N, C-alpha and C. Protein backbone atom coordinates (compact mmCIF):
# COMPACT_ATOMS: atom_id res chain seq x y z
N MET A 1 -158.14 -112.54 -38.74
CA MET A 1 -158.35 -111.30 -38.42
C MET A 1 -157.60 -110.14 -39.34
N ASN A 2 -158.41 -109.49 -40.12
CA ASN A 2 -157.91 -108.34 -40.29
C ASN A 2 -157.87 -106.97 -39.83
N ILE A 3 -156.48 -106.13 -39.73
CA ILE A 3 -156.46 -105.25 -38.86
C ILE A 3 -155.60 -103.88 -40.03
N THR A 4 -156.00 -102.82 -40.05
CA THR A 4 -155.54 -101.94 -40.40
C THR A 4 -155.11 -100.81 -39.88
N ILE A 5 -154.06 -100.45 -39.75
CA ILE A 5 -153.04 -99.38 -38.89
C ILE A 5 -152.63 -98.47 -39.90
N ARG A 6 -152.99 -97.40 -39.49
CA ARG A 6 -153.30 -95.73 -39.83
C ARG A 6 -152.31 -94.72 -39.60
N GLU A 7 -151.65 -94.08 -40.46
CA GLU A 7 -150.48 -93.38 -40.62
C GLU A 7 -150.40 -92.60 -38.97
N ILE A 8 -151.77 -92.34 -39.13
CA ILE A 8 -151.52 -91.19 -37.74
C ILE A 8 -150.96 -91.90 -36.32
N GLN A 9 -151.81 -93.52 -36.41
CA GLN A 9 -152.15 -94.43 -35.55
C GLN A 9 -150.72 -94.77 -34.64
N ILE A 10 -149.85 -94.82 -36.45
CA ILE A 10 -148.73 -95.10 -35.70
C ILE A 10 -147.59 -94.09 -35.58
N LYS A 11 -148.00 -93.00 -35.83
CA LYS A 11 -147.64 -91.86 -34.87
C LYS A 11 -147.40 -91.94 -33.67
N ILE A 12 -148.89 -92.14 -33.76
CA ILE A 12 -149.11 -91.52 -31.58
C ILE A 12 -148.42 -92.90 -31.01
N ALA A 13 -148.75 -94.03 -31.60
CA ALA A 13 -147.97 -95.05 -30.82
C ALA A 13 -146.70 -95.04 -30.66
N ASN A 14 -145.57 -94.11 -31.40
CA ASN A 14 -144.17 -94.36 -31.77
C ASN A 14 -144.13 -93.34 -30.96
N HIS A 15 -144.95 -92.13 -31.10
CA HIS A 15 -144.54 -90.61 -29.56
C HIS A 15 -144.55 -91.45 -27.87
N MET A 16 -145.58 -92.64 -27.72
CA MET A 16 -145.70 -93.06 -26.53
C MET A 16 -144.88 -93.89 -26.29
N MET A 17 -144.27 -94.39 -27.07
CA MET A 17 -142.80 -95.94 -26.89
C MET A 17 -141.83 -95.28 -26.94
N GLN A 18 -141.62 -94.38 -27.86
CA GLN A 18 -140.41 -93.67 -27.96
C GLN A 18 -140.07 -92.01 -27.99
N PRO A 19 -140.81 -91.35 -26.62
CA PRO A 19 -141.20 -90.11 -26.90
C PRO A 19 -139.74 -89.28 -26.90
N ASN A 20 -139.86 -87.65 -27.81
CA ASN A 20 -139.01 -87.10 -29.08
C ASN A 20 -139.05 -86.26 -27.53
N MET A 21 -138.10 -86.33 -25.99
CA MET A 21 -137.66 -85.40 -25.06
C MET A 21 -136.97 -84.33 -25.60
N THR A 22 -136.86 -83.01 -24.96
CA THR A 22 -136.15 -81.91 -24.90
C THR A 22 -134.94 -82.13 -24.15
N ALA A 23 -134.31 -81.21 -23.65
CA ALA A 23 -133.20 -80.98 -22.88
C ALA A 23 -134.32 -80.26 -21.38
N ASP A 24 -135.63 -79.72 -21.37
CA ASP A 24 -136.32 -79.21 -20.79
C ASP A 24 -137.17 -80.32 -19.94
N ASN A 25 -137.34 -81.91 -20.55
CA ASN A 25 -138.17 -82.45 -20.03
C ASN A 25 -137.48 -83.82 -20.17
N SER A 26 -136.38 -83.69 -20.05
CA SER A 26 -136.04 -84.98 -20.60
C SER A 26 -135.87 -86.17 -19.21
N THR A 27 -136.51 -85.73 -18.15
CA THR A 27 -136.80 -86.26 -16.95
C THR A 27 -138.05 -87.02 -16.69
N ALA A 28 -138.97 -86.54 -17.70
CA ALA A 28 -140.18 -87.23 -17.52
C ALA A 28 -140.99 -88.51 -18.03
N ARG A 29 -141.29 -88.89 -16.89
CA ARG A 29 -141.79 -90.60 -17.15
C ARG A 29 -142.94 -90.62 -17.61
N ASN A 30 -143.67 -89.95 -17.58
CA ASN A 30 -145.50 -89.78 -18.24
C ASN A 30 -145.48 -89.08 -19.19
N ILE A 31 -146.23 -89.42 -19.76
CA ILE A 31 -146.69 -88.99 -21.68
C ILE A 31 -148.14 -89.28 -21.72
N ILE A 32 -149.29 -88.25 -21.65
CA ILE A 32 -150.60 -88.10 -22.12
C ILE A 32 -150.87 -87.36 -23.28
N MET A 33 -151.76 -88.14 -24.50
CA MET A 33 -151.88 -87.80 -25.34
C MET A 33 -153.56 -87.31 -25.83
N GLN A 34 -153.70 -86.30 -26.32
CA GLN A 34 -155.46 -86.14 -26.60
C GLN A 34 -155.56 -86.98 -28.23
N ILE A 35 -156.48 -87.56 -28.06
CA ILE A 35 -156.39 -88.64 -29.65
C ILE A 35 -158.27 -88.48 -29.86
N ASN A 36 -158.81 -87.86 -30.95
CA ASN A 36 -159.79 -87.70 -31.24
C ASN A 36 -160.66 -88.61 -31.46
N MET A 37 -162.31 -88.52 -30.83
CA MET A 37 -162.90 -90.02 -31.40
C MET A 37 -162.69 -90.63 -32.52
N GLY A 38 -163.12 -91.59 -32.70
CA GLY A 38 -162.73 -92.58 -34.39
C GLY A 38 -161.35 -93.04 -34.77
N GLU A 39 -160.37 -92.57 -33.92
CA GLU A 39 -159.05 -92.60 -34.50
C GLU A 39 -158.46 -93.82 -34.37
N GLY A 40 -159.44 -94.76 -33.56
CA GLY A 40 -158.78 -95.76 -32.91
C GLY A 40 -157.86 -96.17 -31.80
N LYS A 41 -158.21 -95.62 -31.28
CA LYS A 41 -157.17 -95.50 -29.89
C LYS A 41 -157.40 -96.59 -29.18
N THR A 42 -158.53 -97.11 -28.98
CA THR A 42 -159.09 -98.54 -27.69
C THR A 42 -158.65 -99.56 -28.67
N SER A 43 -159.43 -99.48 -29.91
CA SER A 43 -159.16 -100.77 -30.64
C SER A 43 -157.85 -101.14 -31.41
N VAL A 44 -157.24 -100.40 -31.99
CA VAL A 44 -155.45 -100.09 -32.40
C VAL A 44 -154.48 -99.29 -31.44
N THR A 45 -154.41 -98.35 -31.46
CA THR A 45 -153.36 -98.15 -30.34
C THR A 45 -153.00 -98.14 -28.86
N LEU A 46 -153.97 -98.85 -28.45
CA LEU A 46 -153.55 -99.72 -26.88
C LEU A 46 -153.14 -100.88 -27.21
N PRO A 47 -154.01 -101.61 -28.11
CA PRO A 47 -153.27 -103.29 -28.46
C PRO A 47 -151.68 -103.21 -29.01
N MET A 48 -151.08 -102.11 -29.75
CA MET A 48 -150.11 -101.56 -29.87
C MET A 48 -148.84 -101.41 -28.60
N LEU A 49 -149.66 -100.63 -27.83
CA LEU A 49 -148.84 -100.29 -26.82
C LEU A 49 -148.45 -101.70 -25.71
N ALA A 50 -149.70 -102.13 -25.55
CA ALA A 50 -149.67 -102.99 -25.16
C ALA A 50 -148.79 -104.36 -25.11
N VAL A 51 -148.47 -104.69 -26.17
CA VAL A 51 -147.77 -105.31 -27.00
C VAL A 51 -146.19 -105.02 -26.62
N TYR A 52 -145.88 -103.81 -27.06
CA TYR A 52 -144.60 -103.08 -26.74
C TYR A 52 -144.18 -103.23 -25.20
N LEU A 53 -144.90 -102.51 -24.43
CA LEU A 53 -144.29 -102.71 -23.09
C LEU A 53 -144.13 -104.04 -22.63
N SER A 54 -145.01 -105.05 -23.10
CA SER A 54 -144.83 -106.51 -22.71
C SER A 54 -144.19 -107.55 -23.15
N SER A 55 -143.21 -106.81 -24.14
CA SER A 55 -142.19 -107.40 -24.88
C SER A 55 -141.13 -107.67 -24.43
N SER A 56 -140.66 -107.64 -22.78
CA SER A 56 -139.65 -107.48 -22.41
C SER A 56 -140.02 -107.78 -20.73
N ASN A 57 -138.96 -109.05 -20.03
CA ASN A 57 -139.53 -109.08 -18.74
C ASN A 57 -138.87 -108.18 -17.46
N LEU A 58 -139.07 -106.95 -18.32
CA LEU A 58 -138.47 -106.00 -17.49
C LEU A 58 -139.73 -104.91 -16.98
N ASN A 59 -140.75 -105.15 -17.71
CA ASN A 59 -142.24 -104.20 -17.48
C ASN A 59 -143.20 -105.38 -17.31
N LEU A 60 -144.14 -104.88 -16.64
CA LEU A 60 -145.48 -105.52 -16.39
C LEU A 60 -146.26 -104.81 -16.97
N ALA A 61 -146.62 -104.79 -18.20
CA ALA A 61 -147.92 -103.65 -18.71
C ALA A 61 -149.33 -104.07 -18.11
N ARG A 62 -149.60 -103.11 -17.67
CA ARG A 62 -150.82 -103.03 -16.94
C ARG A 62 -151.83 -102.16 -17.53
N ILE A 63 -152.89 -102.51 -18.01
CA ILE A 63 -153.66 -101.58 -18.81
C ILE A 63 -155.10 -100.94 -17.69
N ILE A 64 -155.51 -99.71 -17.24
CA ILE A 64 -156.18 -99.66 -16.86
C ILE A 64 -157.18 -98.88 -17.43
N VAL A 65 -158.72 -99.50 -17.14
CA VAL A 65 -160.06 -98.88 -17.94
C VAL A 65 -160.86 -98.68 -17.46
N LEU A 66 -161.70 -97.93 -17.48
CA LEU A 66 -163.23 -97.24 -16.76
C LEU A 66 -163.72 -98.63 -16.76
N LYS A 67 -164.63 -98.75 -15.28
CA LYS A 67 -165.35 -99.98 -15.11
C LYS A 67 -166.45 -100.47 -16.02
N SER A 68 -166.83 -99.44 -16.78
CA SER A 68 -168.03 -99.58 -17.44
C SER A 68 -167.44 -99.97 -19.22
N LEU A 69 -166.51 -99.52 -19.37
CA LEU A 69 -165.56 -100.22 -20.45
C LEU A 69 -164.83 -101.39 -20.71
N PHE A 70 -164.67 -102.10 -19.25
CA PHE A 70 -163.97 -103.23 -18.90
C PHE A 70 -164.56 -104.80 -19.82
N PRO A 71 -165.85 -104.70 -19.80
CA PRO A 71 -165.87 -106.27 -20.91
C PRO A 71 -165.75 -105.42 -22.01
N THR A 72 -165.76 -104.85 -22.64
CA THR A 72 -165.69 -104.41 -24.53
C THR A 72 -163.96 -104.48 -24.26
N ASN A 73 -163.16 -103.72 -23.58
CA ASN A 73 -161.93 -103.83 -23.63
C ASN A 73 -161.03 -105.19 -23.74
N TYR A 74 -161.35 -106.17 -22.60
CA TYR A 74 -161.48 -107.09 -21.96
C TYR A 74 -161.49 -108.43 -23.42
N GLN A 75 -162.88 -108.10 -24.22
CA GLN A 75 -162.48 -108.87 -25.33
C GLN A 75 -162.11 -108.70 -26.74
N SER A 76 -161.77 -106.85 -26.38
CA SER A 76 -160.90 -106.79 -27.95
C SER A 76 -159.36 -106.93 -27.66
N LEU A 77 -159.23 -106.72 -26.75
CA LEU A 77 -157.43 -107.37 -26.39
C LEU A 77 -157.17 -108.35 -25.95
N ARG A 78 -158.23 -109.41 -26.09
CA ARG A 78 -158.38 -111.15 -25.69
C ARG A 78 -158.00 -111.37 -27.69
N TYR A 79 -158.93 -110.66 -27.69
CA TYR A 79 -159.35 -111.07 -29.64
C TYR A 79 -157.91 -110.72 -30.41
N LYS A 80 -157.82 -109.76 -30.11
CA LYS A 80 -156.51 -109.17 -30.97
C LYS A 80 -155.02 -109.31 -30.23
N LEU A 81 -154.71 -109.65 -29.10
CA LEU A 81 -153.80 -110.03 -28.61
C LEU A 81 -153.56 -111.92 -28.20
N GLY A 82 -155.01 -112.13 -27.72
CA GLY A 82 -154.44 -113.40 -27.73
C GLY A 82 -154.51 -114.28 -28.69
N GLY A 83 -155.55 -113.92 -29.67
CA GLY A 83 -156.23 -114.70 -30.58
C GLY A 83 -154.50 -114.68 -31.83
N LEU A 84 -154.07 -113.48 -31.88
CA LEU A 84 -153.15 -113.02 -33.03
C LEU A 84 -151.86 -113.45 -32.29
N LEU A 85 -151.37 -112.86 -31.23
CA LEU A 85 -149.96 -113.15 -30.78
C LEU A 85 -149.63 -114.05 -29.52
N ASN A 86 -150.74 -115.04 -29.14
CA ASN A 86 -151.04 -115.49 -28.18
C ASN A 86 -150.18 -115.16 -26.43
N ARG A 87 -150.80 -113.66 -26.49
CA ARG A 87 -150.80 -113.16 -25.48
C ARG A 87 -151.95 -113.36 -24.24
N ARG A 88 -152.14 -113.80 -23.23
CA ARG A 88 -152.74 -113.87 -22.30
C ARG A 88 -153.34 -112.44 -21.76
N ILE A 89 -154.04 -112.20 -21.52
CA ILE A 89 -154.89 -111.29 -21.11
C ILE A 89 -155.46 -111.75 -19.60
N PHE A 90 -155.04 -111.08 -18.24
CA PHE A 90 -154.84 -111.27 -16.84
C PHE A 90 -156.29 -110.30 -16.23
N PRO A 91 -157.16 -110.11 -15.90
CA PRO A 91 -158.09 -109.46 -15.66
C PRO A 91 -158.15 -109.42 -13.94
N PHE A 92 -157.64 -107.93 -13.58
CA PHE A 92 -157.51 -108.29 -12.00
C PHE A 92 -158.26 -107.74 -11.38
N ALA A 93 -158.94 -108.28 -10.27
CA ALA A 93 -160.39 -107.47 -9.54
C ALA A 93 -160.00 -107.60 -8.26
N CYS A 94 -160.67 -106.58 -7.83
CA CYS A 94 -160.80 -106.44 -5.97
C CYS A 94 -161.49 -105.37 -5.56
N ARG A 95 -162.60 -106.08 -4.48
CA ARG A 95 -163.17 -105.22 -3.80
C ARG A 95 -162.92 -105.40 -2.56
N ARG A 96 -163.72 -104.02 -1.76
CA ARG A 96 -163.45 -104.29 -0.65
C ARG A 96 -164.21 -105.28 0.35
N ASP A 97 -165.04 -106.17 -0.12
CA ASP A 97 -165.23 -106.99 0.94
C ASP A 97 -164.97 -108.23 1.08
N MET A 98 -163.82 -108.37 0.27
CA MET A 98 -163.05 -109.39 -0.07
C MET A 98 -161.97 -109.86 1.33
N ASN A 99 -162.28 -110.86 1.83
CA ASN A 99 -161.29 -111.47 2.50
C ASN A 99 -160.14 -112.07 2.72
N PHE A 100 -159.16 -111.47 1.97
CA PHE A 100 -157.54 -112.08 1.37
C PHE A 100 -157.15 -112.70 2.82
N LYS A 101 -156.36 -114.43 2.56
CA LYS A 101 -155.79 -115.40 3.49
C LYS A 101 -154.16 -114.71 2.59
N ASP A 102 -153.22 -115.07 3.48
CA ASP A 102 -151.87 -115.44 3.17
C ASP A 102 -151.92 -116.05 1.35
N GLN A 103 -152.09 -117.14 1.63
CA GLN A 103 -152.57 -117.90 0.49
C GLN A 103 -152.75 -117.31 -0.64
N GLN A 104 -154.38 -116.54 -0.62
CA GLN A 104 -155.03 -116.14 -1.81
C GLN A 104 -153.66 -114.80 -2.40
N ILE A 105 -153.04 -114.15 -1.32
CA ILE A 105 -152.04 -113.14 -1.25
C ILE A 105 -150.88 -113.41 -2.48
N ASN A 106 -150.65 -114.75 -1.90
CA ASN A 106 -149.58 -115.56 -2.55
C ASN A 106 -149.57 -115.81 -4.12
N GLN A 107 -150.96 -116.39 -3.87
CA GLN A 107 -151.14 -116.84 -5.59
C GLN A 107 -151.45 -115.58 -6.13
N ILE A 108 -151.66 -114.50 -5.77
CA ILE A 108 -151.82 -113.20 -7.05
C ILE A 108 -150.84 -112.63 -7.06
N PHE A 109 -149.36 -112.86 -6.37
CA PHE A 109 -148.25 -111.85 -6.40
C PHE A 109 -147.54 -113.20 -7.37
N GLU A 110 -148.07 -114.69 -7.34
CA GLU A 110 -147.23 -115.85 -7.94
C GLU A 110 -147.77 -115.22 -9.47
N ARG A 111 -148.92 -115.20 -9.91
CA ARG A 111 -149.59 -114.34 -10.51
C ARG A 111 -149.50 -113.48 -11.96
N PHE A 112 -148.91 -112.24 -10.63
CA PHE A 112 -148.00 -111.31 -11.48
C PHE A 112 -146.71 -111.51 -12.01
N LYS A 113 -146.04 -112.17 -11.01
CA LYS A 113 -144.69 -112.75 -11.52
C LYS A 113 -144.77 -113.35 -12.74
N HIS A 114 -145.59 -114.23 -12.63
CA HIS A 114 -145.91 -115.23 -14.08
C HIS A 114 -146.09 -114.49 -14.86
N GLY A 115 -146.85 -113.13 -15.35
CA GLY A 115 -147.02 -112.24 -16.08
C GLY A 115 -146.00 -111.57 -16.51
N LEU A 116 -145.64 -111.27 -15.36
CA LEU A 116 -143.91 -110.59 -15.92
C LEU A 116 -142.79 -111.61 -16.64
N ARG A 117 -142.99 -112.83 -16.37
CA ARG A 117 -141.97 -113.46 -17.26
C ARG A 117 -142.40 -114.24 -18.48
N ASN A 118 -143.51 -114.29 -18.74
CA ASN A 118 -144.33 -114.54 -19.89
C ASN A 118 -144.92 -113.63 -20.83
N CYS A 119 -144.56 -112.13 -20.34
CA CYS A 119 -145.07 -110.91 -21.31
C CYS A 119 -146.82 -111.15 -21.36
N ASP A 120 -147.30 -111.37 -20.13
CA ASP A 120 -148.66 -111.55 -19.97
C ASP A 120 -149.15 -109.63 -19.70
N ILE A 121 -150.52 -109.07 -19.87
CA ILE A 121 -150.96 -108.08 -20.22
C ILE A 121 -151.80 -108.24 -18.68
N ILE A 122 -151.96 -107.42 -18.03
CA ILE A 122 -152.82 -107.24 -16.72
C ILE A 122 -154.10 -106.26 -17.72
N LEU A 123 -155.04 -106.27 -17.05
CA LEU A 123 -156.52 -105.44 -17.03
C LEU A 123 -157.00 -105.25 -15.66
N THR A 124 -157.55 -103.76 -15.37
CA THR A 124 -157.75 -103.60 -14.12
C THR A 124 -159.06 -102.29 -14.34
N THR A 125 -159.27 -101.93 -13.56
CA THR A 125 -160.09 -100.95 -13.29
C THR A 125 -159.46 -99.54 -12.22
N PRO A 126 -159.59 -98.87 -12.12
CA PRO A 126 -159.10 -97.85 -10.53
C PRO A 126 -159.96 -98.10 -9.33
N GLU A 127 -161.07 -98.81 -9.59
CA GLU A 127 -161.80 -99.29 -8.22
C GLU A 127 -161.11 -100.57 -7.67
N ASP A 128 -160.22 -101.14 -8.62
CA ASP A 128 -159.51 -102.39 -7.94
C ASP A 128 -158.35 -102.19 -7.50
N ILE A 129 -157.78 -101.44 -8.17
CA ILE A 129 -156.34 -101.02 -7.81
C ILE A 129 -156.48 -100.23 -6.25
N LEU A 130 -157.73 -99.01 -6.16
CA LEU A 130 -157.79 -98.64 -4.74
C LEU A 130 -158.64 -99.55 -3.48
N SER A 131 -159.49 -100.06 -4.02
CA SER A 131 -159.75 -101.58 -3.02
C SER A 131 -158.44 -102.56 -2.48
N PHE A 132 -158.19 -102.81 -3.31
CA PHE A 132 -156.81 -103.49 -2.82
C PHE A 132 -155.71 -102.85 -1.87
N ASP A 133 -155.52 -101.03 -2.53
CA ASP A 133 -154.72 -100.53 -1.73
C ASP A 133 -155.59 -100.24 -0.05
N LEU A 134 -156.90 -100.27 -0.34
CA LEU A 134 -157.35 -100.04 1.15
C LEU A 134 -157.88 -101.00 1.70
N LEU A 135 -157.83 -102.41 1.24
CA LEU A 135 -157.82 -103.22 2.06
C LEU A 135 -156.41 -103.83 2.86
N THR A 136 -155.16 -103.03 2.16
CA THR A 136 -154.04 -103.30 2.73
C THR A 136 -153.89 -102.93 4.28
N ILE A 137 -154.37 -101.28 3.91
CA ILE A 137 -154.50 -100.62 5.11
C ILE A 137 -155.91 -101.52 5.77
N ASP A 138 -156.87 -101.79 6.20
CA ASP A 138 -157.61 -102.60 6.90
C ASP A 138 -157.52 -103.20 7.37
N LYS A 139 -156.41 -104.36 6.63
CA LYS A 139 -155.23 -105.35 7.49
C LYS A 139 -154.59 -104.93 8.27
N CYS A 140 -154.06 -103.59 8.35
CA CYS A 140 -153.23 -103.69 9.21
C CYS A 140 -153.97 -103.16 10.78
N ARG A 141 -154.87 -102.25 10.24
CA ARG A 141 -155.75 -101.55 11.01
C ARG A 141 -156.62 -102.63 12.08
N ARG A 142 -156.72 -104.16 11.66
CA ARG A 142 -157.27 -104.90 12.27
C ARG A 142 -156.44 -105.89 12.85
N ASN A 143 -154.78 -105.41 12.78
CA ASN A 143 -154.16 -106.28 13.64
C ASN A 143 -153.69 -107.61 12.86
N GLU A 144 -154.07 -107.92 11.48
CA GLU A 144 -153.51 -108.62 10.68
C GLU A 144 -152.22 -108.34 9.91
N PHE A 145 -151.16 -108.44 10.62
CA PHE A 145 -150.04 -107.60 9.97
C PHE A 145 -149.21 -108.49 9.08
N ASN A 146 -149.56 -109.83 9.20
CA ASN A 146 -148.94 -110.71 8.67
C ASN A 146 -149.39 -110.62 6.66
N ILE A 147 -150.51 -110.35 6.71
CA ILE A 147 -151.68 -110.82 5.47
C ILE A 147 -151.07 -108.69 4.98
N GLY A 148 -151.07 -108.16 5.72
CA GLY A 148 -150.97 -106.44 5.08
C GLY A 148 -149.99 -106.54 4.63
N LEU A 149 -148.68 -106.88 5.36
CA LEU A 149 -147.30 -106.92 4.75
C LEU A 149 -147.23 -107.69 3.46
N SER A 150 -147.98 -108.87 3.79
CA SER A 150 -147.58 -109.53 2.12
C SER A 150 -148.79 -108.89 1.20
N MET A 151 -149.49 -107.94 1.35
CA MET A 151 -150.57 -106.78 0.36
C MET A 151 -149.45 -105.96 0.16
N LEU A 152 -148.79 -105.47 1.04
CA LEU A 152 -147.84 -104.38 0.93
C LEU A 152 -146.64 -104.69 -0.54
N ILE A 153 -146.23 -105.64 0.13
CA ILE A 153 -145.18 -106.09 -0.70
C ILE A 153 -145.54 -106.62 -2.11
N VAL A 154 -146.53 -106.49 -2.14
CA VAL A 154 -147.12 -107.05 -3.78
C VAL A 154 -147.95 -105.25 -4.26
N GLN A 155 -147.18 -104.69 -3.62
CA GLN A 155 -147.97 -102.89 -3.86
C GLN A 155 -146.22 -102.37 -4.72
N ARG A 156 -145.61 -102.72 -4.02
CA ARG A 156 -144.50 -102.45 -3.88
C ARG A 156 -143.50 -103.52 -5.14
N TRP A 157 -143.96 -104.00 -5.18
CA TRP A 157 -143.56 -104.99 -6.57
C TRP A 157 -144.14 -104.69 -7.78
N LEU A 158 -145.57 -103.79 -7.36
CA LEU A 158 -145.82 -103.47 -8.83
C LEU A 158 -146.05 -102.08 -9.25
N LYS A 159 -145.08 -100.96 -8.40
CA LYS A 159 -144.49 -100.12 -8.38
C LYS A 159 -143.37 -100.23 -9.34
N THR A 160 -142.77 -101.34 -8.94
CA THR A 160 -141.41 -101.33 -9.51
C THR A 160 -141.51 -101.39 -11.28
N TYR A 161 -142.20 -102.77 -11.34
CA TYR A 161 -142.38 -103.72 -12.66
C TYR A 161 -143.44 -103.17 -13.21
N ALA A 162 -144.46 -102.54 -12.84
CA ALA A 162 -146.03 -102.82 -13.53
C ALA A 162 -145.44 -101.42 -14.44
N ARG A 163 -146.16 -101.19 -15.46
CA ARG A 163 -146.11 -99.85 -16.19
C ARG A 163 -147.87 -99.79 -16.54
N ASP A 164 -148.09 -98.37 -16.47
CA ASP A 164 -149.32 -98.66 -16.90
C ASP A 164 -149.62 -97.86 -17.58
N VAL A 165 -151.11 -97.98 -18.67
CA VAL A 165 -151.66 -97.07 -19.64
C VAL A 165 -152.89 -96.94 -19.31
N LEU A 166 -153.19 -95.42 -19.38
CA LEU A 166 -154.64 -95.41 -18.94
C LEU A 166 -155.33 -94.88 -20.39
N ASP A 167 -157.01 -95.79 -20.28
CA ASP A 167 -157.55 -95.13 -21.31
C ASP A 167 -158.84 -94.71 -20.67
N GLU A 168 -159.03 -93.18 -21.48
CA GLU A 168 -159.67 -92.28 -21.10
C GLU A 168 -159.19 -91.98 -19.68
N SER A 169 -157.94 -91.21 -19.80
CA SER A 169 -157.25 -90.65 -18.72
C SER A 169 -157.88 -89.73 -18.11
N ASP A 170 -158.53 -88.99 -18.76
CA ASP A 170 -159.11 -87.68 -18.11
C ASP A 170 -160.25 -88.12 -17.15
N GLU A 171 -160.97 -89.15 -17.36
CA GLU A 171 -162.08 -89.60 -16.49
C GLU A 171 -161.77 -90.28 -15.37
N ILE A 172 -160.22 -91.36 -15.55
CA ILE A 172 -159.46 -92.03 -14.81
C ILE A 172 -158.36 -91.20 -13.51
N LEU A 173 -158.33 -90.42 -13.95
CA LEU A 173 -157.29 -89.38 -13.22
C LEU A 173 -158.52 -88.24 -12.69
N HIS A 174 -159.44 -88.28 -12.46
CA HIS A 174 -160.50 -87.35 -11.81
C HIS A 174 -160.18 -87.61 -10.72
N VAL A 175 -160.71 -86.66 -9.45
CA VAL A 175 -160.28 -86.40 -8.12
C VAL A 175 -161.41 -87.41 -8.05
N LYS A 176 -162.35 -88.08 -8.14
CA LYS A 176 -163.19 -89.14 -7.57
C LYS A 176 -162.53 -90.38 -7.37
N TYR A 177 -161.69 -90.69 -8.30
CA TYR A 177 -160.69 -91.67 -8.42
C TYR A 177 -159.45 -91.55 -7.17
N GLN A 178 -159.52 -90.45 -6.59
CA GLN A 178 -158.07 -90.70 -5.48
C GLN A 178 -158.73 -91.09 -4.21
N LEU A 179 -157.36 -91.75 -3.57
CA LEU A 179 -157.48 -92.52 -2.15
C LEU A 179 -158.27 -92.14 -1.44
N ILE A 180 -159.20 -91.58 -1.04
CA ILE A 180 -160.03 -90.95 0.62
C ILE A 180 -159.95 -92.20 1.77
N HIS A 181 -159.30 -92.22 2.60
CA HIS A 181 -159.72 -93.35 3.51
C HIS A 181 -159.98 -92.66 5.26
N THR A 182 -160.73 -92.46 5.76
CA THR A 182 -161.16 -92.61 7.36
C THR A 182 -160.59 -93.57 8.10
N GLY A 183 -160.17 -93.22 8.78
CA GLY A 183 -159.66 -94.09 10.21
C GLY A 183 -160.27 -93.62 11.30
N GLY A 184 -160.21 -94.53 12.26
CA GLY A 184 -160.66 -94.16 13.78
C GLY A 184 -161.68 -93.92 13.95
N CYS A 185 -162.19 -93.49 15.49
CA CYS A 185 -163.65 -93.72 15.57
C CYS A 185 -164.04 -92.22 15.68
N GLN A 186 -165.74 -92.67 14.73
CA GLN A 186 -166.22 -91.12 14.31
C GLN A 186 -166.34 -90.12 15.47
N GLN A 187 -165.96 -88.91 15.07
CA GLN A 187 -166.25 -87.48 16.20
C GLN A 187 -166.85 -86.79 15.02
N GLN A 188 -167.77 -85.73 16.13
CA GLN A 188 -167.94 -84.63 15.47
C GLN A 188 -167.35 -83.96 15.06
N VAL A 189 -167.79 -83.08 13.73
CA VAL A 189 -166.86 -81.82 13.49
C VAL A 189 -166.51 -80.52 14.82
N ASP A 190 -165.82 -79.73 14.73
CA ASP A 190 -165.30 -79.00 15.77
C ASP A 190 -166.62 -78.13 15.84
N ALA A 191 -166.82 -77.82 17.20
CA ALA A 191 -167.95 -77.23 17.71
C ALA A 191 -169.62 -77.79 17.59
N GLY A 192 -169.09 -78.91 17.15
CA GLY A 192 -170.57 -79.64 16.90
C GLY A 192 -171.83 -78.90 16.28
N VAL A 193 -172.86 -79.28 17.44
CA VAL A 193 -173.97 -78.44 16.81
C VAL A 193 -174.19 -77.17 17.24
N GLU A 194 -173.56 -76.44 17.56
CA GLU A 194 -173.42 -74.90 17.56
C GLU A 194 -172.88 -74.31 16.16
N ARG A 195 -173.03 -75.25 15.61
CA ARG A 195 -172.48 -74.73 14.30
C ARG A 195 -173.64 -74.55 13.19
N TRP A 196 -174.86 -75.32 13.46
CA TRP A 196 -175.97 -75.09 12.78
C TRP A 196 -177.34 -74.28 13.66
N LYS A 197 -176.92 -74.41 15.01
CA LYS A 197 -177.90 -74.06 15.74
C LYS A 197 -177.36 -72.26 15.52
N THR A 198 -175.99 -72.16 15.16
CA THR A 198 -176.06 -70.48 15.30
C THR A 198 -176.57 -70.02 14.06
N ILE A 199 -176.23 -70.36 13.12
CA ILE A 199 -177.46 -70.38 11.42
C ILE A 199 -178.41 -70.62 11.81
N GLN A 200 -178.81 -71.02 12.39
CA GLN A 200 -180.62 -70.90 12.93
C GLN A 200 -181.10 -69.92 12.94
N SER A 201 -180.35 -69.91 14.27
CA SER A 201 -180.03 -68.01 15.06
C SER A 201 -180.35 -67.07 14.06
N ILE A 202 -179.81 -66.82 13.30
CA ILE A 202 -179.41 -65.37 12.62
C ILE A 202 -180.69 -65.00 12.07
N PRO A 203 -181.46 -66.03 11.32
CA PRO A 203 -182.71 -65.14 10.60
C PRO A 203 -183.77 -65.13 12.19
N THR A 204 -183.96 -65.66 13.18
CA THR A 204 -184.49 -65.07 14.36
C THR A 204 -183.88 -63.48 14.50
N LEU A 205 -183.12 -63.63 14.58
CA LEU A 205 -182.40 -62.42 15.00
C LEU A 205 -182.50 -61.29 14.71
N VAL A 206 -182.64 -61.36 13.23
CA VAL A 206 -182.63 -60.02 11.83
C VAL A 206 -184.37 -59.87 12.22
N LYS A 207 -184.99 -61.17 12.20
CA LYS A 207 -186.68 -60.92 12.18
C LYS A 207 -186.54 -59.75 13.58
N LYS A 208 -186.30 -59.89 14.99
CA LYS A 208 -186.40 -59.52 16.42
C LYS A 208 -185.73 -58.00 15.94
N ALA A 209 -184.65 -58.00 15.02
CA ALA A 209 -184.23 -56.44 15.12
C ALA A 209 -185.25 -55.67 14.45
N CYS A 210 -185.96 -56.28 13.05
CA CYS A 210 -186.76 -55.65 12.18
C CYS A 210 -188.50 -55.51 13.17
């Protein structure tokens, strides 16, 4: 496989790997960069970051991509990193309709820890992450506390060891991907039907006044 790395791509990757912090932002932990279309963000810069972040057993590199781009990113990373550097790309998928058991959660947890030890790379989407978070809440609401606790342990472990790289961060950080979860019984809003009855009565009163 032939690959050409341009100077601008090296500068971007170096800045994200070792940012030049000033005295004012020395505590910054997150970096975001705007890269023009066609500058090799997904095909060159992203694989370099993934390799760097997964080069030690202190961080588990987790690449978060849009659902529509998941197949393309998976094939690209597997081709460039799996074939060239023998790095395993582990796709993590989760849906709200999945009914996890203790054994399955333990298998997922062991796979994450195995990935940390062997410098593997996790590829997932915002929907999968949110679904796993919501399933944890659902398990607790259904009084399945053992499974809920196991899932919560996995979440806390990921917060400690996972290092996230967001491709198309402007879309992924959009408000539509924020975790919004309703709980409890369905209830009417304050004032109930009087809210729309009041609005509908206004034109009638105006007509009578005229």
